[in-house]
Amino acid sequence: MIPMLSETPILAMDQSLICSPKEVDPYGELKIFAGSGSFRLAEAICRKIGVSVARSETKIFSEGNIFVRVLENVRGRDVFIIQGTDRPVNDNLVELCFWIDALKRASATQVTAVIPYFSYAKGDKKDEPRVSIRARVVADMLEAAGADRVLTMDLHSPQIQGFFKVPVDHLYAMPVLVDEFKRRNIPDLVIASPDVGFGKQAYRYAEMFRAPVVIGNKMRVDHNEQAEVLDIIGNVEGRNVLVVDDFTISGGTLIEMARACKERGALDVYACVSHAVFAKNAAQKIGESPIKELVVTDTIHHTAESLPPNARIISVASLFAKAILSIHRRESVSRLFESEEESAS
């Protein structure tokens, strides 16, 4: 007789997510796997839900080939694979595709790719001759590998959801970041967007703070990841400023916006971003900048570049945990944000 695999051990469960087994597993047992690029966040998410990360194996051979293996029975299970596509971007992306393929071949009922940071979201349009729409190519790759749906956070352009034929659940770090700064009761606060492109989201931040908005007029002349803020639309004199954006790579946009605000009479300048990518030397530049404090989330695990002394990390694990359970139970994910918006109004 073939011995049965032992059940996944149950950990201490977040009381806000607690529910009976009948409620949790109406569509097959929930299994959460972690890719090598997001293991720490996956562990935090699983602690919130009250399960362990499912057993798996990843190897990188000497010539660079990636090998993945599922070490648990997933036949008939509702499976989530958590793998961001931050540095090394292409290795993590290929590994994610291999995980999806392995899980589908192991007869998982549904495979959801949980991508905390979707790196190629920046390549969302053909704004120059003879260039690739990279986000569309990546969407096709994930679907070809067998992904049934995608869960991600703060896409650079929300319309990227339209590149997919499978459902995409788009989370926002905004509720977590807003709560962090609301606790500080910063007086005379102004919300600042570094450019017009993030202006609509900046207005959503402003509504939750009941604060005014200013917009930076940013110019980027090439692909050197450096931008210049030419002007600010709105008044920051004698006010504290919170600069909001979806991600930062070199830190240049945040730093230029902070300098522009200080030159126009702003008091303290804070900043928050969902994804702190941090290229080489970015941390040092941010640490030496006029930014009093930069708050980022844990969608990216920082190994190559340490955080600057004026930066701190807050977790979005609880938000991802709630979204995963909502998807698993076939409930609305957007309701997670409706409650936040109602509480702000």
C-alpha atoms as a PDB file:
ATOM      1  CA  MET A   1       0.000   0.000   0.000  1.00  0.00           C
ATOM      2  CA  ILE A   2       1.393   3.411  -0.977  1.00  0.00           C
ATOM      3  CA  PRO A   3       1.784   5.704   2.079  1.00  0.00           C
ATOM      4  CA  MET A   4      -0.155   8.943   1.930  1.00  0.00           C
ATOM      5  CA  LEU A   5       1.639  12.289   2.168  1.00  0.00           C
ATOM      6  CA  SER A   6       1.185  13.982   5.523  1.00  0.00           C
ATOM      7  CA  GLU A   7      -1.040  17.034   5.654  1.00  0.00           C
ATOM      8  CA  THR A   8       0.550  20.485   5.553  1.00  0.00           C
ATOM      9  CA  PRO A   9       1.258  21.550   9.161  1.00  0.00           C
ATOM     10  CA  ILE A  10      -0.899  24.376  10.454  1.00  0.00           C
ATOM     11  CA  LEU A  11       0.796  27.442  11.921  1.00  0.00           C
ATOM     12  CA  ALA A  12      -0.540  30.224  14.126  1.00  0.00           C
ATOM     13  CA  MET A  13      -3.352  31.801  12.128  1.00  0.00           C
ATOM     14  CA  ASP A  14      -4.071  35.498  11.743  1.00  0.00           C
ATOM     15  CA  GLN A  15      -7.396  35.918  13.561  1.00  0.00           C
ATOM     16  CA  SER A  16      -8.689  38.317  10.886  1.00  0.00           C
ATOM     17  CA  LEU A  17      -8.395  35.523   8.299  1.00  0.00           C
ATOM     18  CA  ILE A  18      -9.563  32.575  10.406  1.00  0.00           C
ATOM     19  CA  CYS A  19     -12.303  30.370   8.950  1.00  0.00           C
ATOM     20  CA  SER A  20     -13.522  26.802   9.039  1.00  0.00           C
ATOM     21  CA  PRO A  21     -12.091  24.104   6.711  1.00  0.00           C
ATOM     22  CA  LYS A  22     -15.407  23.973   4.855  1.00  0.00           C
ATOM     23  CA  GLU A  23     -15.118  27.677   4.067  1.00  0.00           C
ATOM     24  CA  VAL A  24     -11.431  27.473   3.129  1.00  0.00           C
ATOM     25  CA  ASP A  25     -11.494  24.503   0.750  1.00  0.00           C
ATOM     26  CA  PRO A  26     -14.673  24.469  -1.358  1.00  0.00           C
ATOM     27  CA  TYR A  27     -12.607  24.166  -4.560  1.00  0.00           C
ATOM     28  CA  GLY A  28      -9.834  21.815  -3.488  1.00  0.00           C
ATOM     29  CA  GLU A  29      -7.136  22.118  -0.847  1.00  0.00           C
ATOM     30  CA  LEU A  30      -5.184  25.388  -0.904  1.00  0.00           C
ATOM     31  CA  LYS A  31      -1.460  25.040  -1.648  1.00  0.00           C
ATOM     32  CA  ILE A  32       0.991  27.964  -1.676  1.00  0.00           C
ATOM     33  CA  PHE A  33       4.426  27.542  -3.245  1.00  0.00           C
ATOM     34  CA  ALA A  34       7.325  30.000  -3.208  1.00  0.00           C
ATOM     35  CA  GLY A  35       9.800  30.702  -5.963  1.00  0.00           C
ATOM     36  CA  SER A  36      13.376  31.572  -5.061  1.00  0.00           C
ATOM     37  CA  GLY A  37      12.754  35.272  -5.762  1.00  0.00           C
ATOM     38  CA  SER A  38       9.990  35.785  -3.171  1.00  0.00           C
ATOM     39  CA  PHE A  39      10.509  33.180  -0.469  1.00  0.00           C
ATOM     40  CA  ARG A  40      10.495  35.616   2.482  1.00  0.00           C
ATOM     41  CA  LEU A  41       7.285  37.313   1.383  1.00  0.00           C
ATOM     42  CA  ALA A  42       5.704  33.907   0.723  1.00  0.00           C
ATOM     43  CA  GLU A  43       6.560  32.819   4.270  1.00  0.00           C
ATOM     44  CA  ALA A  44       4.988  35.993   5.668  1.00  0.00           C
ATOM     45  CA  ILE A  45       1.840  35.467   3.575  1.00  0.00           C
ATOM     46  CA  CYS A  46       1.537  31.854   4.711  1.00  0.00           C
ATOM     47  CA  ARG A  47       1.892  32.895   8.358  1.00  0.00           C
ATOM     48  CA  LYS A  48      -1.034  35.266   7.890  1.00  0.00           C
ATOM     49  CA  ILE A  49      -3.174  32.508   6.386  1.00  0.00           C
ATOM     50  CA  GLY A  50      -2.039  29.850   8.852  1.00  0.00           C
ATOM     51  CA  VAL A  51      -0.348  27.320   6.549  1.00  0.00           C
ATOM     52  CA  SER A  52       3.213  26.372   5.706  1.00  0.00           C
ATOM     53  CA  VAL A  53       4.868  27.074   2.384  1.00  0.00           C
ATOM     54  CA  ALA A  54       4.403  23.933   0.270  1.00  0.00           C
ATOM     55  CA  ARG A  55       7.537  21.853  -0.265  1.00  0.00           C
ATOM     56  CA  SER A  56       9.477  22.377  -3.501  1.00  0.00           C
ATOM     57  CA  GLU A  57      12.990  22.387  -4.902  1.00  0.00           C
ATOM     58  CA  THR A  58      14.900  24.816  -7.130  1.00  0.00           C
ATOM     59  CA  LYS A  59      18.353  24.204  -8.587  1.00  0.00           C
ATOM     60  CA  ILE A  60      20.537  26.307 -10.861  1.00  0.00           C
ATOM     61  CA  PHE A  61      23.075  24.202 -12.745  1.00  0.00           C
ATOM     62  CA  SER A  62      26.611  25.379 -13.517  1.00  0.00           C
ATOM     63  CA  GLU A  63      25.737  26.578 -17.023  1.00  0.00           C
ATOM     64  CA  GLY A  64      22.760  28.597 -15.729  1.00  0.00           C
ATOM     65  CA  ASN A  65      19.893  26.176 -16.422  1.00  0.00           C
ATOM     66  CA  ILE A  66      17.068  26.360 -13.885  1.00  0.00           C
ATOM     67  CA  PHE A  67      15.424  23.199 -12.543  1.00  0.00           C
ATOM     68  CA  VAL A  68      12.265  23.169 -10.412  1.00  0.00           C
ATOM     69  CA  ARG A  69      10.435  20.274  -8.766  1.00  0.00           C
ATOM     70  CA  VAL A  70       7.171  20.083  -6.827  1.00  0.00           C
ATOM     71  CA  LEU A  71       7.592  17.921  -3.730  1.00  0.00           C
ATOM     72  CA  GLU A  72       3.918  17.654  -2.739  1.00  0.00           C
ATOM     73  CA  ASN A  73       0.795  16.201  -4.295  1.00  0.00           C
ATOM     74  CA  VAL A  74      -1.124  19.004  -6.036  1.00  0.00           C
ATOM     75  CA  ARG A  75      -3.595  16.915  -8.036  1.00  0.00           C
ATOM     76  CA  GLY A  76      -6.990  18.609  -7.736  1.00  0.00           C
ATOM     77  CA  ARG A  77      -5.554  21.412  -5.583  1.00  0.00           C
ATOM     78  CA  ASP A  78      -5.995  25.172  -5.888  1.00  0.00           C
ATOM     79  CA  VAL A  79      -2.362  26.293  -6.193  1.00  0.00           C
ATOM     80  CA  PHE A  80      -0.646  29.676  -5.849  1.00  0.00           C
ATOM     81  CA  ILE A  81       2.989  30.202  -6.826  1.00  0.00           C
ATOM     82  CA  ILE A  82       4.550  33.382  -5.389  1.00  0.00           C
ATOM     83  CA  GLN A  83       7.438  34.662  -7.475  1.00  0.00           C
ATOM     84  CA  GLY A  84       8.370  38.280  -8.173  1.00  0.00           C
ATOM     85  CA  THR A  85      10.300  39.309 -11.267  1.00  0.00           C
ATOM     86  CA  ASP A  86      12.830  41.632  -9.666  1.00  0.00           C
ATOM     87  CA  ARG A  87      16.623  41.221  -9.888  1.00  0.00           C
ATOM     88  CA  PRO A  88      17.744  38.887 -11.512  1.00  0.00           C
ATOM     89  CA  VAL A  89      14.704  39.721 -13.630  1.00  0.00           C
ATOM     90  CA  ASN A  90      15.015  37.189 -16.445  1.00  0.00           C
ATOM     91  CA  ASP A  91      16.054  34.294 -14.178  1.00  0.00           C
ATOM     92  CA  ASN A  92      13.064  34.900 -11.915  1.00  0.00           C
ATOM     93  CA  LEU A  93      10.703  35.208 -14.866  1.00  0.00           C
ATOM     94  CA  VAL A  94      11.886  31.960 -16.462  1.00  0.00           C
ATOM     95  CA  GLU A  95      11.698  30.186 -13.080  1.00  0.00           C
ATOM     96  CA  LEU A  96       8.098  31.384 -12.684  1.00  0.00           C
ATOM     97  CA  CYS A  97       7.185  29.938 -16.092  1.00  0.00           C
ATOM     98  CA  PHE A  98       8.784  26.611 -15.150  1.00  0.00           C
ATOM     99  CA  TRP A  99       6.834  26.530 -11.862  1.00  0.00           C
ATOM    100  CA  ILE A 100       3.554  27.147 -13.647  1.00  0.00           C
ATOM    101  CA  ASP A 101       4.316  24.390 -16.152  1.00  0.00           C
ATOM    102  CA  ALA A 102       5.356  21.933 -13.422  1.00  0.00           C
ATOM    103  CA  LEU A 103       2.201  22.574 -11.398  1.00  0.00           C
ATOM    104  CA  LYS A 104      -0.095  22.226 -14.402  1.00  0.00           C
ATOM    105  CA  ARG A 105       1.618  18.963 -15.418  1.00  0.00           C
ATOM    106  CA  ALA A 106       1.116  17.748 -11.843  1.00  0.00           C
ATOM    107  CA  SER A 107      -2.658  18.188 -12.376  1.00  0.00           C
ATOM    108  CA  ALA A 108      -3.333  21.209 -10.200  1.00  0.00           C
ATOM    109  CA  THR A 109      -6.932  22.365 -10.656  1.00  0.00           C
ATOM    110  CA  GLN A 110      -6.013  26.041 -10.885  1.00  0.00           C
ATOM    111  CA  VAL A 111      -2.594  27.746 -10.897  1.00  0.00           C
ATOM    112  CA  THR A 112      -2.438  31.404  -9.896  1.00  0.00           C
ATOM    113  CA  ALA A 113       0.820  33.261 -10.533  1.00  0.00           C
ATOM    114  CA  VAL A 114       1.327  35.681  -7.643  1.00  0.00           C
ATOM    115  CA  ILE A 115       3.774  38.313  -8.912  1.00  0.00           C
ATOM    116  CA  PRO A 116       4.406  40.926  -6.195  1.00  0.00           C
ATOM    117  CA  TYR A 117       6.528  43.034  -8.558  1.00  0.00           C
ATOM    118  CA  PHE A 118       5.867  42.732 -12.303  1.00  0.00           C
ATOM    119  CA  SER A 119       9.137  44.172 -13.624  1.00  0.00           C
ATOM    120  CA  TYR A 120       8.370  44.329 -17.346  1.00  0.00           C
ATOM    121  CA  ALA A 121       5.274  46.434 -16.671  1.00  0.00           C
ATOM    122  CA  LYS A 122       7.424  49.410 -17.673  1.00  0.00           C
ATOM    123  CA  GLY A 123       7.415  48.096 -21.255  1.00  0.00           C
ATOM    124  CA  ASP A 124       3.708  48.718 -21.787  1.00  0.00           C
ATOM    125  CA  LYS A 125       3.650  50.630 -25.099  1.00  0.00           C
ATOM    126  CA  LYS A 126       5.352  51.160 -28.440  1.00  0.00           C
ATOM    127  CA  ASP A 127       6.432  54.784 -27.961  1.00  0.00           C
ATOM    128  CA  GLU A 128       9.521  54.498 -30.176  1.00  0.00           C
ATOM    129  CA  PRO A 129      10.109  52.902 -33.585  1.00  0.00           C
ATOM    130  CA  ARG A 130      11.116  49.231 -33.706  1.00  0.00           C
ATOM    131  CA  VAL A 131      10.776  48.411 -30.000  1.00  0.00           C
ATOM    132  CA  SER A 132       9.102  45.483 -28.253  1.00  0.00           C
ATOM    133  CA  ILE A 133       5.986  45.826 -26.098  1.00  0.00           C
ATOM    134  CA  ARG A 134       7.693  43.744 -23.425  1.00  0.00           C
ATOM    135  CA  ALA A 135       4.791  43.542 -20.984  1.00  0.00           C
ATOM    136  CA  ARG A 136       2.629  41.961 -23.684  1.00  0.00           C
ATOM    137  CA  VAL A 137       5.341  39.401 -24.483  1.00  0.00           C
ATOM    138  CA  VAL A 138       5.614  38.446 -20.807  1.00  0.00           C
ATOM    139  CA  ALA A 139       1.826  38.114 -20.548  1.00  0.00           C
ATOM    140  CA  ASP A 140       1.874  35.723 -23.504  1.00  0.00           C
ATOM    141  CA  MET A 141       4.703  33.729 -21.871  1.00  0.00           C
ATOM    142  CA  LEU A 142       2.814  33.254 -18.608  1.00  0.00           C
ATOM    143  CA  GLU A 143      -0.347  32.181 -20.411  1.00  0.00           C
ATOM    144  CA  ALA A 144       1.590  29.786 -22.658  1.00  0.00           C
ATOM    145  CA  ALA A 145       3.157  28.226 -19.545  1.00  0.00           C
ATOM    146  CA  GLY A 146      -0.350  27.536 -18.246  1.00  0.00           C
ATOM    147  CA  ALA A 147      -1.226  30.249 -15.717  1.00  0.00           C
ATOM    148  CA  ASP A 148      -4.974  30.276 -15.017  1.00  0.00           C
ATOM    149  CA  ARG A 149      -4.914  33.718 -13.417  1.00  0.00           C
ATOM    150  CA  VAL A 150      -2.483  36.359 -12.157  1.00  0.00           C
ATOM    151  CA  LEU A 151      -2.338  38.271  -8.867  1.00  0.00           C
ATOM    152  CA  THR A 152      -0.012  41.266  -8.795  1.00  0.00           C
ATOM    153  CA  MET A 153       0.492  44.626  -7.114  1.00  0.00           C
ATOM    154  CA  ASP A 154       0.760  48.189  -8.420  1.00  0.00           C
ATOM    155  CA  LEU A 155       1.326  47.631 -12.116  1.00  0.00           C
ATOM    156  CA  HIS A 156       3.112  50.611 -13.659  1.00  0.00           C
ATOM    157  CA  SER A 157       0.175  50.852 -16.075  1.00  0.00           C
ATOM    158  CA  PRO A 158      -3.115  49.239 -14.959  1.00  0.00           C
ATOM    159  CA  GLN A 159      -4.136  48.718 -18.608  1.00  0.00           C
ATOM    160  CA  ILE A 160      -1.536  45.915 -18.743  1.00  0.00           C
ATOM    161  CA  GLN A 161      -4.335  43.731 -17.373  1.00  0.00           C
ATOM    162  CA  GLY A 162      -5.739  43.906 -20.897  1.00  0.00           C
ATOM    163  CA  PHE A 163      -2.623  42.192 -22.267  1.00  0.00           C
ATOM    164  CA  PHE A 164      -3.776  38.986 -20.543  1.00  0.00           C
ATOM    165  CA  LYS A 165      -6.550  36.680 -21.673  1.00  0.00           C
ATOM    166  CA  VAL A 166      -6.706  35.143 -18.176  1.00  0.00           C
ATOM    167  CA  PRO A 167      -8.120  37.070 -15.168  1.00  0.00           C
ATOM    168  CA  VAL A 168      -5.740  39.514 -13.457  1.00  0.00           C
ATOM    169  CA  ASP A 169      -6.323  40.697  -9.886  1.00  0.00           C
ATOM    170  CA  HIS A 170      -4.549  44.008  -9.333  1.00  0.00           C
ATOM    171  CA  LEU A 171      -3.726  44.972  -5.746  1.00  0.00           C
ATOM    172  CA  TYR A 172      -2.635  48.383  -4.486  1.00  0.00           C
ATOM    173  CA  ALA A 173      -0.193  49.001  -1.648  1.00  0.00           C
ATOM    174  CA  MET A 174      -1.876  52.354  -1.063  1.00  0.00           C
ATOM    175  CA  PRO A 175      -4.052  51.267   1.931  1.00  0.00           C
ATOM    176  CA  VAL A 176      -1.001  49.943   3.797  1.00  0.00           C
ATOM    177  CA  LEU A 177       1.132  52.998   2.986  1.00  0.00           C
ATOM    178  CA  VAL A 178      -1.661  55.415   3.901  1.00  0.00           C
ATOM    179  CA  ASP A 179      -2.216  53.712   7.265  1.00  0.00           C
ATOM    180  CA  GLU A 180       1.518  53.998   7.982  1.00  0.00           C
ATOM    181  CA  PHE A 181       1.567  57.764   7.458  1.00  0.00           C
ATOM    182  CA  LYS A 182      -1.827  58.425   9.048  1.00  0.00           C
ATOM    183  CA  ARG A 183      -0.454  57.099  12.328  1.00  0.00           C
ATOM    184  CA  ARG A 184       2.121  59.882  12.286  1.00  0.00           C
ATOM    185  CA  ASN A 185      -0.413  62.732  12.133  1.00  0.00           C
ATOM    186  CA  ILE A 186       1.860  64.879   9.952  1.00  0.00           C
ATOM    187  CA  PRO A 187       0.440  68.439   9.968  1.00  0.00           C
ATOM    188  CA  ASP A 188      -0.152  70.579   6.845  1.00  0.00           C
ATOM    189  CA  LEU A 189       0.405  67.622   4.532  1.00  0.00           C
ATOM    190  CA  VAL A 190       0.475  67.869   0.731  1.00  0.00           C
ATOM    191  CA  ILE A 191       0.511  64.805  -1.553  1.00  0.00           C
ATOM    192  CA  ALA A 192       2.952  65.105  -4.450  1.00  0.00           C
ATOM    193  CA  SER A 193       3.110  63.098  -7.666  1.00  0.00           C
ATOM    194  CA  PRO A 194       6.461  63.273  -9.483  1.00  0.00           C
ATOM    195  CA  ASP A 195       4.695  63.377 -12.856  1.00  0.00           C
ATOM    196  CA  VAL A 196       1.316  63.566 -14.537  1.00  0.00           C
ATOM    197  CA  GLY A 197       1.311  59.800 -15.188  1.00  0.00           C
ATOM    198  CA  PHE A 198       0.905  58.996 -11.476  1.00  0.00           C
ATOM    199  CA  GLY A 199      -1.405  61.952 -10.896  1.00  0.00           C
ATOM    200  CA  LYS A 200      -4.643  59.965 -10.819  1.00  0.00           C
ATOM    201  CA  GLN A 201      -3.284  57.626  -8.148  1.00  0.00           C
ATOM    202  CA  ALA A 202      -1.913  60.613  -6.207  1.00  0.00           C
ATOM    203  CA  TYR A 203      -5.448  62.019  -6.047  1.00  0.00           C
ATOM    204  CA  ARG A 204      -6.615  58.744  -4.501  1.00  0.00           C
ATOM    205  CA  TYR A 205      -3.911  59.113  -1.841  1.00  0.00           C
ATOM    206  CA  ALA A 206      -5.008  62.718  -1.282  1.00  0.00           C
ATOM    207  CA  GLU A 207      -8.643  61.692  -0.804  1.00  0.00           C
ATOM    208  CA  MET A 208      -7.642  59.285   1.950  1.00  0.00           C
ATOM    209  CA  PHE A 209      -5.563  61.976   3.681  1.00  0.00           C
ATOM    210  CA  ARG A 210      -8.043  64.781   2.861  1.00  0.00           C
ATOM    211  CA  ALA A 211      -5.037  66.729   1.602  1.00  0.00           C
ATOM    212  CA  PRO A 212      -4.263  68.801  -1.520  1.00  0.00           C
ATOM    213  CA  VAL A 213      -2.205  67.506  -4.464  1.00  0.00           C
ATOM    214  CA  VAL A 214       0.755  68.947  -6.351  1.00  0.00           C
ATOM    215  CA  ILE A 215       2.125  67.521  -9.608  1.00  0.00           C
ATOM    216  CA  GLY A 216       5.712  67.541 -10.847  1.00  0.00           C
ATOM    217  CA  ASN A 217       6.520  68.350 -14.465  1.00  0.00           C
ATOM    218  CA  LYS A 218       9.117  65.664 -15.189  1.00  0.00           C
ATOM    219  CA  MET A 219      11.234  65.235 -18.306  1.00  0.00           C
ATOM    220  CA  ARG A 220      13.191  62.090 -19.222  1.00  0.00           C
ATOM    221  CA  VAL A 221      15.372  62.510 -22.309  1.00  0.00           C
ATOM    222  CA  ASP A 222      16.638  58.918 -22.749  1.00  0.00           C
ATOM    223  CA  HIS A 223      16.870  55.485 -21.057  1.00  0.00           C
ATOM    224  CA  ASN A 224      19.530  56.393 -18.467  1.00  0.00           C
ATOM    225  CA  GLU A 225      16.944  56.135 -15.640  1.00  0.00           C
ATOM    226  CA  GLN A 226      17.513  59.788 -14.713  1.00  0.00           C
ATOM    227  CA  ALA A 227      14.714  62.339 -14.769  1.00  0.00           C
ATOM    228  CA  GLU A 228      14.569  66.078 -14.160  1.00  0.00           C
ATOM    229  CA  VAL A 229      11.670  67.834 -12.437  1.00  0.00           C
ATOM    230  CA  LEU A 230      11.277  71.122 -14.280  1.00  0.00           C
ATOM    231  CA  ASP A 231       8.391  72.632 -12.314  1.00  0.00           C
ATOM    232  CA  ILE A 232       5.724  71.890  -9.710  1.00  0.00           C
ATOM    233  CA  ILE A 233       2.043  72.536 -10.345  1.00  0.00           C
ATOM    234  CA  GLY A 234       0.646  73.605  -6.983  1.00  0.00           C
ATOM    235  CA  ASN A 235       1.876  75.213  -3.764  1.00  0.00           C
ATOM    236  CA  VAL A 236       4.149  73.483  -1.209  1.00  0.00           C
ATOM    237  CA  GLU A 237       5.475  76.535   0.656  1.00  0.00           C
ATOM    238  CA  GLY A 238       5.294  76.041   4.423  1.00  0.00           C
ATOM    239  CA  ARG A 239       3.794  72.552   3.993  1.00  0.00           C
ATOM    240  CA  ASN A 240       5.022  69.022   4.672  1.00  0.00           C
ATOM    241  CA  VAL A 241       5.114  66.928   1.508  1.00  0.00           C
ATOM    242  CA  LEU A 242       4.547  63.219   0.875  1.00  0.00           C
ATOM    243  CA  VAL A 243       5.855  62.150  -2.548  1.00  0.00           C
ATOM    244  CA  VAL A 244       4.044  59.034  -3.814  1.00  0.00           C
ATOM    245  CA  ASP A 245       5.000  56.721  -6.679  1.00  0.00           C
ATOM    246  CA  ASP A 246       4.668  53.087  -7.713  1.00  0.00           C
ATOM    247  CA  PHE A 247       8.382  52.217  -7.883  1.00  0.00           C
ATOM    248  CA  THR A 248      11.884  53.660  -7.789  1.00  0.00           C
ATOM    249  CA  ILE A 249      15.000  52.280  -9.464  1.00  0.00           C
ATOM    250  CA  SER A 250      17.755  54.884  -9.274  1.00  0.00           C
ATOM    251  CA  GLY A 251      15.871  57.110  -6.815  1.00  0.00           C
ATOM    252  CA  GLY A 252      16.392  60.005  -9.217  1.00  0.00           C
ATOM    253  CA  THR A 253      12.735  60.965  -9.648  1.00  0.00           C
ATOM    254  CA  LEU A 254      12.044  60.981  -5.897  1.00  0.00           C
ATOM    255  CA  ILE A 255      15.218  62.938  -5.155  1.00  0.00           C
ATOM    256  CA  GLU A 256      14.580  65.548  -7.858  1.00  0.00           C
ATOM    257  CA  MET A 257      10.999  65.996  -6.667  1.00  0.00           C
ATOM    258  CA  ALA A 258      12.162  66.379  -3.055  1.00  0.00           C
ATOM    259  CA  ARG A 259      14.737  68.989  -4.075  1.00  0.00           C
ATOM    260  CA  ALA A 260      12.196  70.897  -6.126  1.00  0.00           C
ATOM    261  CA  CYS A 261       9.791  70.953  -3.161  1.00  0.00           C
ATOM    262  CA  LYS A 262      12.486  72.172  -0.763  1.00  0.00           C
ATOM    263  CA  GLU A 263      13.505  74.906  -3.206  1.00  0.00           C
ATOM    264  CA  ARG A 264       9.900  76.098  -3.198  1.00  0.00           C
ATOM    265  CA  GLY A 265       9.713  76.373   0.584  1.00  0.00           C
ATOM    266  CA  ALA A 266       8.480  72.933   1.671  1.00  0.00           C
ATOM    267  CA  LEU A 267       9.185  71.834   5.243  1.00  0.00           C
ATOM    268  CA  ASP A 268       9.843  68.076   5.600  1.00  0.00           C
ATOM    269  CA  VAL A 269       9.654  65.856   2.525  1.00  0.00           C
ATOM    270  CA  TYR A 270       8.615  62.207   2.921  1.00  0.00           C
ATOM    271  CA  ALA A 271       8.226  59.597   0.191  1.00  0.00           C
ATOM    272  CA  CYS A 272       6.582  56.211  -0.241  1.00  0.00           C
ATOM    273  CA  VAL A 273       6.731  53.690  -3.068  1.00  0.00           C
ATOM    274  CA  SER A 274       5.294  50.227  -3.532  1.00  0.00           C
ATOM    275  CA  HIS A 275       8.374  48.679  -5.172  1.00  0.00           C
ATOM    276  CA  ALA A 276      11.901  49.663  -4.122  1.00  0.00           C
ATOM    277  CA  VAL A 277      13.952  48.210  -6.966  1.00  0.00           C
ATOM    278  CA  PHE A 278      17.161  50.100  -6.033  1.00  0.00           C
ATOM    279  CA  ALA A 279      19.846  49.987  -8.697  1.00  0.00           C
ATOM    280  CA  LYS A 280      23.506  50.270  -7.730  1.00  0.00           C
ATOM    281  CA  ASN A 281      24.241  53.374  -5.608  1.00  0.00           C
ATOM    282  CA  ALA A 282      20.537  54.263  -5.370  1.00  0.00           C
ATOM    283  CA  ALA A 283      20.493  53.716  -1.597  1.00  0.00           C
ATOM    284  CA  GLN A 284      23.431  56.056  -1.048  1.00  0.00           C
ATOM    285  CA  LYS A 285      21.836  58.783  -3.169  1.00  0.00           C
ATOM    286  CA  ILE A 286      18.529  58.495  -1.313  1.00  0.00           C
ATOM    287  CA  GLY A 287      20.334  58.521   2.046  1.00  0.00           C
ATOM    288  CA  GLU A 288      22.076  61.782   1.122  1.00  0.00           C
ATOM    289  CA  SER A 289      18.936  63.382  -0.361  1.00  0.00           C
ATOM    290  CA  PRO A 290      16.477  65.886   1.201  1.00  0.00           C
ATOM    291  CA  ILE A 291      14.007  63.010   1.771  1.00  0.00           C
ATOM    292  CA  LYS A 292      13.425  62.770   5.519  1.00  0.00           C
ATOM    293  CA  GLU A 293      12.017  59.240   5.301  1.00  0.00           C
ATOM    294  CA  LEU A 294      11.242  56.802   2.506  1.00  0.00           C
ATOM    295  CA  VAL A 295       8.719  54.036   3.227  1.00  0.00           C
ATOM    296  CA  VAL A 296       8.690  50.991   0.917  1.00  0.00           C
ATOM    297  CA  THR A 297       6.961  47.607   0.953  1.00  0.00           C
ATOM    298  CA  ASP A 298       8.401  44.095   1.009  1.00  0.00           C
ATOM    299  CA  THR A 299       7.366  43.146  -2.552  1.00  0.00           C
ATOM    300  CA  ILE A 300      11.123  43.038  -3.277  1.00  0.00           C
ATOM    301  CA  HIS A 301      13.694  41.346  -1.058  1.00  0.00           C
ATOM    302  CA  HIS A 302      16.819  43.495  -0.927  1.00  0.00           C
ATOM    303  CA  THR A 303      20.045  41.524  -1.200  1.00  0.00           C
ATOM    304  CA  ALA A 304      22.247  43.356  -3.740  1.00  0.00           C
ATOM    305  CA  GLU A 305      21.611  46.863  -2.409  1.00  0.00           C
ATOM    306  CA  SER A 306      21.090  47.669   1.275  1.00  0.00           C
ATOM    307  CA  LEU A 307      18.402  50.087   2.343  1.00  0.00           C
ATOM    308  CA  PRO A 308      19.478  53.669   3.068  1.00  0.00           C
ATOM    309  CA  PRO A 309      19.329  54.796   6.711  1.00  0.00           C
ATOM    310  CA  ASN A 310      16.314  57.022   6.025  1.00  0.00           C
ATOM    311  CA  ALA A 311      14.234  54.136   4.599  1.00  0.00           C
ATOM    312  CA  ARG A 312      12.040  51.554   6.277  1.00  0.00           C
ATOM    313  CA  ILE A 313      10.038  48.554   5.064  1.00  0.00           C
ATOM    314  CA  ILE A 314       6.411  47.757   5.820  1.00  0.00           C
ATOM    315  CA  SER A 315       4.764  44.489   4.843  1.00  0.00           C
ATOM    316  CA  VAL A 316       1.967  43.861   2.361  1.00  0.00           C
ATOM    317  CA  ALA A 317       1.760  40.174   3.349  1.00  0.00           C
ATOM    318  CA  SER A 318      -1.646  40.610   4.991  1.00  0.00           C
ATOM    319  CA  LEU A 319      -3.071  42.212   1.852  1.00  0.00           C
ATOM    320  CA  PHE A 320      -1.789  39.392  -0.353  1.00  0.00           C
ATOM    321  CA  ALA A 321      -3.067  36.807   2.143  1.00  0.00           C
ATOM    322  CA  LYS A 322      -6.577  38.273   2.055  1.00  0.00           C
ATOM    323  CA  ALA A 323      -6.504  38.407  -1.746  1.00  0.00           C
ATOM    324  CA  ILE A 324      -5.340  34.783  -2.021  1.00  0.00           C
ATOM    325  CA  LEU A 325      -8.137  33.609   0.264  1.00  0.00           C
ATOM    326  CA  SER A 326     -10.669  35.692  -1.676  1.00  0.00           C
ATOM    327  CA  ILE A 327      -9.547  34.107  -4.948  1.00  0.00           C
ATOM    328  CA  HIS A 328      -9.571  30.650  -3.376  1.00  0.00           C
ATOM    329  CA  ARG A 329     -13.117  31.142  -2.059  1.00  0.00           C
ATOM    330  CA  ARG A 330     -14.281  32.694  -5.365  1.00  0.00           C
ATOM    331  CA  GLU A 331     -15.030  35.994  -3.630  1.00  0.00           C
ATOM    332  CA  SER A 332     -14.474  39.542  -4.836  1.00  0.00           C
ATOM    333  CA  VAL A 333     -10.941  40.920  -4.477  1.00  0.00           C
ATOM    334  CA  SER A 334     -12.005  44.518  -5.133  1.00  0.00           C
ATOM    335  CA  ARG A 335     -13.970  44.498  -1.862  1.00  0.00           C
ATOM    336  CA  LEU A 336     -10.606  44.736  -0.044  1.00  0.00           C
ATOM    337  CA  PHE A 337     -10.266  48.270  -1.412  1.00  0.00           C
ATOM    338  CA  GLU A 338     -13.921  49.275  -1.243  1.00  0.00           C
ATOM    339  CA  SER A 339     -13.806  49.059   2.557  1.00  0.00           C
ATOM    340  CA  GLU A 340     -10.695  51.262   2.621  1.00  0.00           C
ATOM    341  CA  GLU A 341     -12.300  53.885   0.376  1.00  0.00           C
ATOM    342  CA  GLU A 342     -15.517  53.896   2.439  1.00  0.00           C
ATOM    343  CA  SER A 343     -13.565  54.432   5.661  1.00  0.00           C
ATOM    344  CA  ALA A 344     -11.772  57.398   4.074  1.00  0.00           C
ATOM    345  CA  SER A 345     -14.998  59.078   2.909  1.00  0.00           C
END
